[in-house]
C-alpha cells in the first residue's frame, strides 16, 4: 500500500556525472555510440526510483526485471546522507536507509537533493507519529 506520495525521486544523470555526460554527448558526433550509452543511462535512471509515502518507503530498480523493496516508516531507524565535495557542489548524494541492525536496508546513489529526501522521511514519520 503506497498511500499518499510525499516525495519521489530518480537518480540524476548530468548532475551526478557531468564529465561522463559530456563525454557521451561528444561520442554521439564521433561514433554514434554515445547515443546508445545515453539512452541506456536515461532508461536506467528512470527505472530507478525512491518514493516516500505516508506509510512506507518504496525503492524500485530494474529495466527488464524489477526489484521492489518496501520498508514501513515505523521500521526506519536512520537515514544517512553521504556526499563528497563534488557531490555537494552538484547537489547530489547517496542515501542509506537503515532499519534494525548495522547494515543499510538499501542504498540509493546519485539522488538529487538528498537532504530533501531525509526531510521528507522525517516529515512522513512525524505525520504518522513515529519517531
N, C-alpha and C. Protein backbone atom coordinates (compact mmCIF):
# COMPACT_ATOMS: atom_id res chain seq x y z
N UNK A 1 0.84 -1.18 0.00
CA UNK A 1 0.00 0.00 0.00
C UNK A 1 0.89 1.24 0.00
N UNK A 2 0.85 2.01 -1.06
CA UNK A 2 1.71 3.18 -1.18
C UNK A 2 1.14 4.37 -0.42
N UNK A 3 -0.15 4.62 -0.48
CA UNK A 3 -0.73 5.77 0.23
C UNK A 3 -0.45 7.06 -0.51
N UNK A 4 -0.42 8.17 0.24
CA UNK A 4 -0.17 9.48 -0.33
C UNK A 4 1.32 9.67 -0.54
N UNK A 5 1.69 10.01 -1.75
CA UNK A 5 3.11 10.21 -2.08
C UNK A 5 3.54 11.58 -1.57
N UNK A 6 4.60 11.58 -0.75
CA UNK A 6 5.14 12.82 -0.20
C UNK A 6 6.33 13.29 -1.03
N UNK A 7 7.12 12.33 -1.52
CA UNK A 7 8.32 12.66 -2.29
C UNK A 7 8.65 11.49 -3.21
N UNK A 8 9.09 11.81 -4.41
CA UNK A 8 9.54 10.77 -5.34
C UNK A 8 10.73 11.32 -6.11
N UNK A 9 11.78 10.51 -6.22
CA UNK A 9 12.99 10.96 -6.91
C UNK A 9 13.60 9.83 -7.73
N UNK A 10 14.26 10.22 -8.80
CA UNK A 10 15.05 9.32 -9.63
C UNK A 10 16.50 9.80 -9.57
N UNK A 11 17.46 8.91 -9.74
CA UNK A 11 18.86 9.36 -9.77
C UNK A 11 19.08 10.38 -10.89
N UNK A 12 20.00 11.29 -10.64
CA UNK A 12 20.33 12.33 -11.61
C UNK A 12 21.36 11.81 -12.60
N UNK A 13 21.33 12.33 -13.82
CA UNK A 13 22.33 11.95 -14.81
C UNK A 13 23.44 12.99 -14.85
N UNK A 14 23.13 14.16 -15.38
CA UNK A 14 24.16 15.18 -15.58
C UNK A 14 24.75 15.66 -14.26
N UNK A 15 23.90 15.94 -13.29
CA UNK A 15 24.40 16.46 -12.01
C UNK A 15 25.29 15.46 -11.29
N UNK A 16 25.02 14.18 -11.45
CA UNK A 16 25.80 13.16 -10.74
C UNK A 16 27.14 12.88 -11.43
N UNK A 17 27.14 12.92 -12.74
CA UNK A 17 28.34 12.56 -13.51
C UNK A 17 28.50 13.48 -14.72
N UNK A 18 28.79 14.76 -14.53
CA UNK A 18 28.85 15.69 -15.67
C UNK A 18 29.94 15.35 -16.68
N UNK A 19 31.09 14.87 -16.22
CA UNK A 19 32.17 14.53 -17.14
C UNK A 19 31.74 13.41 -18.10
N UNK A 20 31.14 12.35 -17.54
CA UNK A 20 30.70 11.23 -18.39
C UNK A 20 29.60 11.67 -19.34
N UNK A 21 28.70 12.52 -18.86
CA UNK A 21 27.61 13.01 -19.70
C UNK A 21 28.16 13.74 -20.92
N UNK A 22 29.09 14.67 -20.69
CA UNK A 22 29.69 15.43 -21.79
C UNK A 22 30.46 14.51 -22.73
N UNK A 23 31.20 13.55 -22.17
CA UNK A 23 31.94 12.60 -23.00
C UNK A 23 31.01 11.81 -23.91
N UNK A 24 29.90 11.32 -23.36
CA UNK A 24 28.96 10.54 -24.17
C UNK A 24 28.27 11.40 -25.21
N UNK A 25 28.02 12.67 -24.91
CA UNK A 25 27.46 13.58 -25.92
C UNK A 25 28.45 13.77 -27.06
N UNK A 26 29.74 13.91 -26.73
CA UNK A 26 30.77 14.03 -27.76
C UNK A 26 30.89 12.76 -28.59
N UNK A 27 30.67 11.61 -27.96
CA UNK A 27 30.73 10.34 -28.69
C UNK A 27 29.59 10.19 -29.69
N UNK A 28 28.52 10.95 -29.51
CA UNK A 28 27.42 10.91 -30.48
C UNK A 28 27.94 11.39 -31.83
N UNK A 29 28.66 12.52 -31.82
CA UNK A 29 29.19 13.07 -33.07
C UNK A 29 30.29 12.19 -33.64
N UNK A 30 31.08 11.59 -32.77
CA UNK A 30 32.22 10.81 -33.24
C UNK A 30 31.80 9.45 -33.80
N UNK A 31 31.04 8.70 -33.05
CA UNK A 31 30.75 7.32 -33.46
C UNK A 31 29.28 6.94 -33.41
N UNK A 32 28.45 7.76 -32.80
CA UNK A 32 27.05 7.40 -32.61
C UNK A 32 26.85 6.50 -31.40
N UNK A 33 27.94 5.97 -30.86
CA UNK A 33 27.87 5.09 -29.71
C UNK A 33 27.36 5.82 -28.48
N UNK A 34 27.69 7.10 -28.37
CA UNK A 34 27.27 7.90 -27.23
C UNK A 34 25.76 7.95 -27.08
N UNK A 35 25.05 7.95 -28.20
CA UNK A 35 23.59 7.99 -28.15
C UNK A 35 23.03 6.74 -27.49
N UNK A 36 23.58 5.59 -27.84
CA UNK A 36 23.13 4.34 -27.22
C UNK A 36 23.44 4.32 -25.72
N UNK A 37 24.63 4.80 -25.35
CA UNK A 37 25.00 4.83 -23.94
C UNK A 37 24.10 5.79 -23.17
N UNK A 38 23.87 6.98 -23.73
CA UNK A 38 22.99 7.95 -23.06
C UNK A 38 21.56 7.43 -22.94
N UNK A 39 21.08 6.76 -23.96
CA UNK A 39 19.73 6.20 -23.93
C UNK A 39 19.61 5.14 -22.84
N UNK A 40 20.60 4.24 -22.77
CA UNK A 40 20.60 3.21 -21.73
C UNK A 40 20.67 3.85 -20.35
N UNK A 41 21.54 4.83 -20.18
CA UNK A 41 21.72 5.53 -18.91
C UNK A 41 20.41 6.22 -18.49
N UNK A 42 19.75 6.88 -19.45
CA UNK A 42 18.49 7.57 -19.16
C UNK A 42 17.42 6.57 -18.72
N UNK A 43 17.29 5.48 -19.46
CA UNK A 43 16.28 4.47 -19.11
C UNK A 43 16.59 3.89 -17.74
N UNK A 44 17.85 3.65 -17.45
CA UNK A 44 18.24 3.09 -16.15
C UNK A 44 17.89 4.05 -15.01
N UNK A 45 18.14 5.35 -15.19
CA UNK A 45 17.80 6.30 -14.13
C UNK A 45 16.28 6.44 -13.97
N UNK A 46 15.54 6.36 -15.06
CA UNK A 46 14.07 6.45 -14.97
C UNK A 46 13.49 5.18 -14.35
N UNK A 47 14.18 4.06 -14.50
CA UNK A 47 13.69 2.79 -13.97
C UNK A 47 14.07 2.60 -12.50
N UNK A 48 14.79 3.55 -11.93
CA UNK A 48 15.16 3.51 -10.52
C UNK A 48 14.47 4.67 -9.83
N UNK A 49 13.79 4.38 -8.72
CA UNK A 49 13.11 5.46 -8.01
C UNK A 49 13.03 5.16 -6.52
N UNK A 50 12.95 6.23 -5.76
CA UNK A 50 12.70 6.17 -4.33
C UNK A 50 11.45 7.00 -4.06
N UNK A 51 10.45 6.37 -3.49
CA UNK A 51 9.19 7.04 -3.20
C UNK A 51 8.96 7.03 -1.69
N UNK A 52 8.67 8.20 -1.15
CA UNK A 52 8.32 8.33 0.26
C UNK A 52 6.83 8.61 0.31
N UNK A 53 6.10 7.72 0.96
CA UNK A 53 4.66 7.94 1.14
C UNK A 53 4.37 8.13 2.62
N UNK A 54 3.12 8.29 2.95
CA UNK A 54 2.76 8.48 4.35
C UNK A 54 2.82 7.18 5.16
N UNK A 55 3.06 6.03 4.49
CA UNK A 55 3.13 4.74 5.19
C UNK A 55 4.47 4.03 5.05
N UNK A 56 5.14 4.22 3.89
CA UNK A 56 6.32 3.41 3.63
C UNK A 56 7.29 4.10 2.67
N UNK A 57 8.47 3.51 2.58
CA UNK A 57 9.45 3.88 1.56
C UNK A 57 9.43 2.77 0.53
N UNK A 58 9.41 3.13 -0.73
CA UNK A 58 9.41 2.15 -1.80
C UNK A 58 10.60 2.43 -2.71
N UNK A 59 11.49 1.45 -2.81
CA UNK A 59 12.67 1.55 -3.68
C UNK A 59 12.47 0.57 -4.82
N UNK A 60 12.52 1.08 -6.04
CA UNK A 60 12.34 0.25 -7.23
C UNK A 60 13.53 0.44 -8.16
N UNK A 61 13.99 -0.67 -8.73
CA UNK A 61 15.05 -0.57 -9.73
C UNK A 61 14.94 -1.74 -10.69
N UNK A 62 15.45 -1.52 -11.89
CA UNK A 62 15.47 -2.57 -12.89
C UNK A 62 14.82 -2.14 -14.18
N UNK A 63 15.40 -2.60 -15.29
CA UNK A 63 14.86 -2.26 -16.60
C UNK A 63 13.97 -3.38 -17.11
N UNK A 64 14.53 -4.55 -17.32
CA UNK A 64 13.74 -5.67 -17.80
C UNK A 64 13.10 -6.45 -16.66
N UNK A 65 13.84 -6.65 -15.61
CA UNK A 65 13.26 -7.26 -14.40
C UNK A 65 13.25 -6.19 -13.32
N UNK A 66 12.24 -6.21 -12.49
CA UNK A 66 12.07 -5.19 -11.46
C UNK A 66 12.38 -5.77 -10.09
N UNK A 67 13.05 -4.96 -9.29
CA UNK A 67 13.27 -5.27 -7.88
C UNK A 67 12.56 -4.17 -7.09
N UNK A 68 11.65 -4.57 -6.21
CA UNK A 68 10.91 -3.61 -5.39
C UNK A 68 11.13 -3.96 -3.93
N UNK A 69 11.46 -2.95 -3.16
CA UNK A 69 11.66 -3.13 -1.73
C UNK A 69 10.86 -2.07 -1.00
N UNK A 70 9.94 -2.49 -0.15
CA UNK A 70 9.13 -1.56 0.63
C UNK A 70 9.51 -1.71 2.09
N UNK A 71 9.72 -0.57 2.75
CA UNK A 71 10.06 -0.55 4.17
C UNK A 71 9.05 0.36 4.86
N UNK A 72 8.43 -0.16 5.89
CA UNK A 72 7.48 0.64 6.66
C UNK A 72 8.21 1.78 7.35
N UNK A 73 7.59 2.94 7.38
CA UNK A 73 8.21 4.10 8.02
C UNK A 73 8.51 3.85 9.50
N UNK A 74 7.69 3.04 10.14
CA UNK A 74 7.92 2.78 11.57
C UNK A 74 9.18 1.96 11.81
N UNK A 75 9.69 1.28 10.76
CA UNK A 75 10.91 0.47 10.90
C UNK A 75 12.18 1.23 10.55
N UNK A 76 12.04 2.41 9.96
CA UNK A 76 13.22 3.20 9.59
C UNK A 76 13.81 3.82 10.85
N UNK A 77 15.06 3.45 11.13
CA UNK A 77 15.74 3.96 12.32
C UNK A 77 16.64 5.14 12.01
N UNK A 78 17.27 5.12 10.84
CA UNK A 78 18.12 6.25 10.48
C UNK A 78 18.20 6.38 8.96
N UNK A 79 18.45 7.60 8.54
CA UNK A 79 18.65 7.92 7.13
C UNK A 79 19.99 8.63 7.05
N UNK A 80 20.94 7.98 6.38
CA UNK A 80 22.28 8.55 6.27
C UNK A 80 22.47 9.14 4.88
N UNK A 81 22.95 10.38 4.84
CA UNK A 81 23.23 11.06 3.59
C UNK A 81 24.74 11.15 3.43
N UNK A 82 25.26 10.66 2.31
CA UNK A 82 26.69 10.72 2.02
C UNK A 82 26.90 11.59 0.79
N UNK A 83 27.75 12.60 0.93
CA UNK A 83 28.09 13.48 -0.18
C UNK A 83 29.56 13.82 -0.11
N UNK A 84 30.27 13.60 -1.20
CA UNK A 84 31.63 14.08 -1.31
C UNK A 84 31.61 15.57 -1.67
N UNK A 85 32.79 16.15 -1.77
CA UNK A 85 32.89 17.58 -2.06
C UNK A 85 32.22 17.94 -3.39
N UNK A 86 32.56 17.21 -4.44
CA UNK A 86 31.97 17.49 -5.76
C UNK A 86 30.47 17.24 -5.74
N UNK A 87 30.04 16.17 -5.05
CA UNK A 87 28.61 15.88 -4.95
C UNK A 87 27.86 17.02 -4.27
N UNK A 88 28.46 17.61 -3.23
CA UNK A 88 27.81 18.73 -2.55
C UNK A 88 27.66 19.92 -3.48
N UNK A 89 28.69 20.19 -4.29
CA UNK A 89 28.63 21.29 -5.24
C UNK A 89 27.52 21.05 -6.28
N UNK A 90 27.43 19.79 -6.75
CA UNK A 90 26.46 19.45 -7.78
C UNK A 90 25.07 19.14 -7.23
N UNK A 91 24.94 19.03 -5.91
CA UNK A 91 23.62 18.82 -5.30
C UNK A 91 23.09 17.41 -5.42
N UNK A 92 23.99 16.42 -5.41
CA UNK A 92 23.56 15.02 -5.45
C UNK A 92 24.21 14.28 -4.28
N UNK A 93 23.73 13.08 -4.01
CA UNK A 93 24.32 12.30 -2.94
C UNK A 93 23.75 10.90 -2.88
N UNK A 94 24.21 10.17 -1.89
CA UNK A 94 23.78 8.79 -1.66
C UNK A 94 22.99 8.74 -0.37
N UNK A 95 21.88 8.02 -0.40
CA UNK A 95 21.02 7.85 0.76
C UNK A 95 21.11 6.39 1.21
N UNK A 96 21.34 6.18 2.49
CA UNK A 96 21.30 4.84 3.08
C UNK A 96 20.16 4.80 4.07
N UNK A 97 19.25 3.86 3.88
CA UNK A 97 18.12 3.68 4.78
C UNK A 97 18.45 2.50 5.69
N UNK A 98 18.43 2.76 6.99
CA UNK A 98 18.76 1.72 7.96
C UNK A 98 17.56 1.42 8.84
N UNK A 99 17.33 0.13 9.04
CA UNK A 99 16.32 -0.32 9.98
C UNK A 99 17.08 -0.90 11.16
N UNK A 100 16.62 -1.96 11.74
CA UNK A 100 17.34 -2.59 12.85
C UNK A 100 18.64 -3.21 12.31
N UNK A 101 19.73 -3.06 13.03
CA UNK A 101 21.00 -3.62 12.61
C UNK A 101 21.93 -2.56 12.07
N UNK A 102 23.13 -3.00 11.75
CA UNK A 102 24.17 -2.08 11.30
C UNK A 102 24.20 -1.88 9.80
N UNK A 103 23.77 -2.86 9.05
CA UNK A 103 23.81 -2.78 7.59
C UNK A 103 22.60 -2.03 7.05
N UNK A 104 22.80 -1.21 6.01
CA UNK A 104 21.64 -0.50 5.43
C UNK A 104 20.67 -1.47 4.77
N UNK A 105 19.41 -1.15 4.87
CA UNK A 105 18.37 -1.94 4.20
C UNK A 105 18.51 -1.79 2.69
N UNK A 106 18.73 -0.56 2.24
CA UNK A 106 19.04 -0.30 0.84
C UNK A 106 19.76 1.03 0.72
N UNK A 107 20.46 1.20 -0.40
CA UNK A 107 21.24 2.40 -0.70
C UNK A 107 20.85 2.89 -2.08
N UNK A 108 20.59 4.18 -2.19
CA UNK A 108 20.25 4.78 -3.48
C UNK A 108 21.31 5.83 -3.78
N UNK A 109 22.00 5.69 -4.91
CA UNK A 109 23.06 6.61 -5.27
C UNK A 109 22.56 7.67 -6.25
N UNK A 110 23.29 8.77 -6.30
CA UNK A 110 23.08 9.85 -7.27
C UNK A 110 21.72 10.53 -7.18
N UNK A 111 21.13 10.55 -5.99
CA UNK A 111 19.84 11.24 -5.83
C UNK A 111 20.04 12.75 -5.77
N UNK A 112 19.20 13.50 -6.48
CA UNK A 112 19.28 14.96 -6.37
C UNK A 112 18.73 15.40 -5.01
N UNK A 113 19.34 16.42 -4.44
CA UNK A 113 18.92 16.99 -3.16
C UNK A 113 18.66 15.92 -2.09
N UNK A 114 19.68 15.18 -1.69
CA UNK A 114 19.47 14.07 -0.76
C UNK A 114 18.97 14.51 0.62
N UNK A 115 19.28 15.72 1.04
CA UNK A 115 18.77 16.18 2.33
C UNK A 115 17.26 16.39 2.29
N UNK A 116 16.74 16.70 1.11
CA UNK A 116 15.29 16.83 0.93
C UNK A 116 14.61 15.47 1.13
N UNK A 117 15.27 14.39 0.70
CA UNK A 117 14.73 13.05 0.92
C UNK A 117 14.67 12.75 2.41
N UNK A 118 15.76 13.05 3.11
CA UNK A 118 15.82 12.82 4.56
C UNK A 118 14.72 13.60 5.27
N UNK A 119 14.53 14.86 4.88
CA UNK A 119 13.48 15.68 5.49
C UNK A 119 12.08 15.15 5.17
N UNK A 120 11.89 14.63 3.96
CA UNK A 120 10.59 14.06 3.59
C UNK A 120 10.29 12.83 4.44
N UNK A 121 11.29 12.01 4.71
CA UNK A 121 11.10 10.83 5.55
C UNK A 121 10.77 11.26 6.97
N UNK A 122 11.49 12.23 7.49
CA UNK A 122 11.21 12.74 8.84
C UNK A 122 9.81 13.32 8.93
N UNK A 123 9.42 14.05 7.90
CA UNK A 123 8.07 14.64 7.85
C UNK A 123 7.01 13.55 7.83
N UNK A 124 7.22 12.52 7.02
CA UNK A 124 6.25 11.42 6.93
C UNK A 124 6.15 10.69 8.27
N UNK A 125 7.28 10.48 8.93
CA UNK A 125 7.25 9.83 10.24
C UNK A 125 6.53 10.70 11.27
N UNK A 126 6.72 12.00 11.20
CA UNK A 126 6.05 12.92 12.12
C UNK A 126 4.54 12.89 11.90
N UNK A 127 4.12 12.77 10.64
CA UNK A 127 2.69 12.69 10.34
C UNK A 127 2.06 11.43 10.93
N UNK A 128 2.84 10.35 10.93
CA UNK A 128 2.36 9.08 11.47
C UNK A 128 2.47 9.03 12.98
N UNK A 129 3.31 9.89 13.55
CA UNK A 129 3.55 9.83 14.99
C UNK A 129 4.69 8.90 15.34
N UNK A 130 5.47 8.44 14.32
CA UNK A 130 6.64 7.58 14.55
C UNK A 130 7.83 8.44 14.84
N UNK A 131 8.74 7.97 15.66
CA UNK A 131 9.99 8.70 15.93
C UNK A 131 11.18 7.82 15.81
